[in-house]
Amino acid sequence: MEILKEAKRGTKKTHILSRVGLSFDQTQKYLNALEKAEFITEESGFWKTTEKGFHVIEACEICSRLMREAPY
């Protein structure tokens, strides 16, 4: 989800790598998986979250909020 959030407006891989705190190999692995799922796209070296990716962010934020509000 953090990668998708970083790429909302379009950004380079190096920015994602440093902001999310992953290694180069980890970043590449996740970008490939996100791109295959059509959650993110790459154009001219810039990664951008797709509409489908925005739905994933929204769903994850709802789940996180529900978990915080759940009684234990």
N, C-alpha and C. Protein backbone atom coordinates (compact mmCIF):
# COMPACT_ATOMS: atom_id res chain seq x y z
N MET A 1 0.82 -1.18 0.00
CA MET A 1 0.00 0.00 0.00
C MET A 1 0.87 1.25 0.00
N GLU A 2 2.00 1.21 0.71
CA GLU A 2 2.87 2.38 0.76
C GLU A 2 3.43 2.73 -0.62
N ILE A 3 3.74 1.73 -1.41
CA ILE A 3 4.22 1.99 -2.78
C ILE A 3 3.13 2.68 -3.59
N LEU A 4 1.91 2.18 -3.49
CA LEU A 4 0.80 2.79 -4.22
C LEU A 4 0.57 4.23 -3.78
N LYS A 5 0.69 4.49 -2.49
CA LYS A 5 0.53 5.85 -2.00
C LYS A 5 1.62 6.77 -2.53
N GLU A 6 2.85 6.29 -2.57
CA GLU A 6 3.97 7.10 -3.07
C GLU A 6 3.81 7.43 -4.55
N ALA A 7 3.16 6.53 -5.28
CA ALA A 7 3.05 6.71 -6.74
C ALA A 7 1.75 7.39 -7.17
N LYS A 8 1.00 7.95 -6.23
CA LYS A 8 -0.28 8.58 -6.56
C LYS A 8 -0.15 9.63 -7.67
N ARG A 9 0.88 10.45 -7.59
CA ARG A 9 1.05 11.53 -8.56
C ARG A 9 2.10 11.22 -9.62
N GLY A 10 2.68 10.04 -9.52
CA GLY A 10 3.74 9.64 -10.43
C GLY A 10 5.09 9.96 -9.83
N THR A 11 5.97 8.98 -9.81
CA THR A 11 7.29 9.17 -9.22
C THR A 11 8.27 8.15 -9.77
N LYS A 12 9.53 8.44 -9.61
CA LYS A 12 10.58 7.53 -10.08
C LYS A 12 10.80 6.41 -9.08
N LYS A 13 11.35 5.30 -9.57
CA LYS A 13 11.61 4.14 -8.73
C LYS A 13 12.52 4.48 -7.56
N THR A 14 13.53 5.31 -7.78
CA THR A 14 14.46 5.66 -6.70
C THR A 14 13.76 6.39 -5.57
N HIS A 15 12.77 7.21 -5.90
CA HIS A 15 12.01 7.91 -4.86
C HIS A 15 11.19 6.91 -4.05
N ILE A 16 10.53 5.98 -4.74
CA ILE A 16 9.76 4.95 -4.04
C ILE A 16 10.69 4.15 -3.13
N LEU A 17 11.82 3.75 -3.66
CA LEU A 17 12.79 2.95 -2.92
C LEU A 17 13.20 3.65 -1.62
N SER A 18 13.53 4.90 -1.68
CA SER A 18 14.00 5.61 -0.50
C SER A 18 12.87 5.96 0.46
N ARG A 19 11.71 6.32 -0.05
CA ARG A 19 10.59 6.73 0.82
C ARG A 19 9.95 5.54 1.54
N VAL A 20 9.91 4.40 0.88
CA VAL A 20 9.26 3.22 1.46
C VAL A 20 10.26 2.40 2.29
N GLY A 21 11.54 2.57 2.03
CA GLY A 21 12.57 1.91 2.83
C GLY A 21 12.80 0.45 2.45
N LEU A 22 12.70 0.16 1.17
CA LEU A 22 12.96 -1.19 0.69
C LEU A 22 14.28 -1.24 -0.06
N SER A 23 14.82 -2.43 -0.20
CA SER A 23 16.02 -2.60 -1.02
C SER A 23 15.63 -2.50 -2.49
N PHE A 24 16.61 -2.39 -3.35
CA PHE A 24 16.34 -2.32 -4.79
C PHE A 24 15.60 -3.57 -5.25
N ASP A 25 16.09 -4.74 -4.83
CA ASP A 25 15.47 -6.00 -5.24
C ASP A 25 14.03 -6.11 -4.74
N GLN A 26 13.79 -5.73 -3.49
CA GLN A 26 12.43 -5.76 -2.94
C GLN A 26 11.51 -4.82 -3.72
N THR A 27 12.00 -3.62 -3.96
CA THR A 27 11.20 -2.63 -4.69
C THR A 27 10.84 -3.16 -6.07
N GLN A 28 11.81 -3.71 -6.76
CA GLN A 28 11.56 -4.25 -8.10
C GLN A 28 10.53 -5.37 -8.06
N LYS A 29 10.66 -6.25 -7.08
CA LYS A 29 9.73 -7.37 -6.94
C LYS A 29 8.30 -6.87 -6.72
N TYR A 30 8.13 -5.91 -5.81
CA TYR A 30 6.80 -5.38 -5.53
C TYR A 30 6.24 -4.59 -6.70
N LEU A 31 7.07 -3.80 -7.36
CA LEU A 31 6.60 -3.05 -8.53
C LEU A 31 6.11 -4.00 -9.62
N ASN A 32 6.86 -5.06 -9.85
CA ASN A 32 6.45 -6.04 -10.86
C ASN A 32 5.11 -6.68 -10.50
N ALA A 33 4.94 -7.04 -9.23
CA ALA A 33 3.69 -7.67 -8.79
C ALA A 33 2.52 -6.68 -8.89
N LEU A 34 2.75 -5.44 -8.47
CA LEU A 34 1.70 -4.41 -8.54
C LEU A 34 1.33 -4.10 -9.99
N GLU A 35 2.34 -4.08 -10.86
CA GLU A 35 2.08 -3.81 -12.27
C GLU A 35 1.30 -4.97 -12.90
N LYS A 36 1.66 -6.19 -12.56
CA LYS A 36 0.96 -7.36 -13.09
C LYS A 36 -0.51 -7.36 -12.65
N ALA A 37 -0.78 -6.89 -11.43
CA ALA A 37 -2.14 -6.82 -10.91
C ALA A 37 -2.88 -5.58 -11.42
N GLU A 38 -2.18 -4.75 -12.20
CA GLU A 38 -2.73 -3.52 -12.77
C GLU A 38 -3.08 -2.47 -11.71
N PHE A 39 -2.31 -2.47 -10.60
CA PHE A 39 -2.48 -1.47 -9.55
C PHE A 39 -1.56 -0.27 -9.77
N ILE A 40 -0.55 -0.47 -10.61
CA ILE A 40 0.43 0.58 -10.87
C ILE A 40 0.90 0.42 -12.32
N THR A 41 1.33 1.53 -12.91
CA THR A 41 1.83 1.48 -14.28
C THR A 41 3.09 2.31 -14.39
N GLU A 42 3.92 1.97 -15.35
CA GLU A 42 5.18 2.70 -15.56
C GLU A 42 5.19 3.30 -16.96
N GLU A 43 5.49 4.59 -17.01
CA GLU A 43 5.62 5.29 -18.30
C GLU A 43 6.81 6.22 -18.23
N SER A 44 7.75 6.03 -19.13
CA SER A 44 8.93 6.88 -19.25
C SER A 44 9.68 7.02 -17.92
N GLY A 45 9.78 5.92 -17.18
CA GLY A 45 10.54 5.93 -15.93
C GLY A 45 9.76 6.43 -14.72
N PHE A 46 8.51 6.79 -14.91
CA PHE A 46 7.66 7.25 -13.80
C PHE A 46 6.60 6.20 -13.50
N TRP A 47 6.47 5.87 -12.24
CA TRP A 47 5.47 4.92 -11.77
C TRP A 47 4.28 5.68 -11.25
N LYS A 48 3.08 5.24 -11.65
CA LYS A 48 1.86 5.94 -11.25
C LYS A 48 0.79 4.92 -10.86
N THR A 49 0.12 5.22 -9.77
CA THR A 49 -0.98 4.39 -9.29
C THR A 49 -2.15 4.48 -10.27
N THR A 50 -2.73 3.34 -10.61
CA THR A 50 -3.87 3.30 -11.52
C THR A 50 -5.17 3.49 -10.72
N GLU A 51 -6.27 3.62 -11.43
CA GLU A 51 -7.57 3.73 -10.77
C GLU A 51 -7.83 2.50 -9.90
N LYS A 52 -7.48 1.34 -10.41
CA LYS A 52 -7.62 0.10 -9.66
C LYS A 52 -6.76 0.15 -8.39
N GLY A 53 -5.57 0.72 -8.50
CA GLY A 53 -4.68 0.88 -7.35
C GLY A 53 -5.26 1.81 -6.30
N PHE A 54 -5.94 2.87 -6.75
CA PHE A 54 -6.59 3.79 -5.81
C PHE A 54 -7.69 3.08 -5.03
N HIS A 55 -8.37 2.15 -5.67
CA HIS A 55 -9.40 1.37 -4.97
C HIS A 55 -8.76 0.47 -3.91
N VAL A 56 -7.59 -0.06 -4.21
CA VAL A 56 -6.87 -0.90 -3.24
C VAL A 56 -6.47 -0.05 -2.03
N ILE A 57 -5.95 1.14 -2.27
CA ILE A 57 -5.58 2.04 -1.16
C ILE A 57 -6.80 2.31 -0.28
N GLU A 58 -7.91 2.64 -0.92
CA GLU A 58 -9.13 2.94 -0.17
C GLU A 58 -9.58 1.74 0.67
N ALA A 59 -9.56 0.55 0.07
CA ALA A 59 -9.97 -0.66 0.79
C ALA A 59 -9.04 -0.94 1.97
N CYS A 60 -7.75 -0.76 1.78
CA CYS A 60 -6.79 -0.99 2.87
C CYS A 60 -6.98 0.02 3.99
N GLU A 61 -7.26 1.26 3.64
CA GLU A 61 -7.49 2.27 4.67
C GLU A 61 -8.76 1.98 5.46
N ILE A 62 -9.79 1.49 4.80
CA ILE A 62 -11.02 1.11 5.50
C ILE A 62 -10.73 -0.03 6.47
N CYS A 63 -10.01 -1.04 6.01
CA CYS A 63 -9.66 -2.18 6.87
C CYS A 63 -8.82 -1.73 8.07
N SER A 64 -7.87 -0.87 7.84
CA SER A 64 -7.02 -0.37 8.93
C SER A 64 -7.86 0.40 9.95
N ARG A 65 -8.77 1.23 9.47
CA ARG A 65 -9.63 1.98 10.38
C ARG A 65 -10.51 1.04 11.20
N LEU A 66 -11.09 0.05 10.56
CA LEU A 66 -11.94 -0.90 11.27
C LEU A 66 -11.14 -1.68 12.32
N MET A 67 -9.91 -2.02 12.02
CA MET A 67 -9.07 -2.73 12.98
C MET A 67 -8.75 -1.85 14.19
N ARG A 68 -8.49 -0.58 13.95
CA ARG A 68 -8.21 0.35 15.06
C ARG A 68 -9.44 0.53 15.96
N GLU A 69 -10.62 0.50 15.35
CA GLU A 69 -11.86 0.73 16.09
C GLU A 69 -12.42 -0.52 16.73
N ALA A 70 -11.91 -1.68 16.36
CA ALA A 70 -12.45 -2.94 16.88
C ALA A 70 -12.13 -3.11 18.36
N PRO A 71 -13.10 -3.53 19.15
CA PRO A 71 -12.84 -3.78 20.57
C PRO A 71 -12.05 -5.08 20.71
N TYR A 72 -11.18 -5.12 21.67
CA TYR A 72 -10.36 -6.32 21.88
C TYR A 72 -10.75 -7.03 23.13
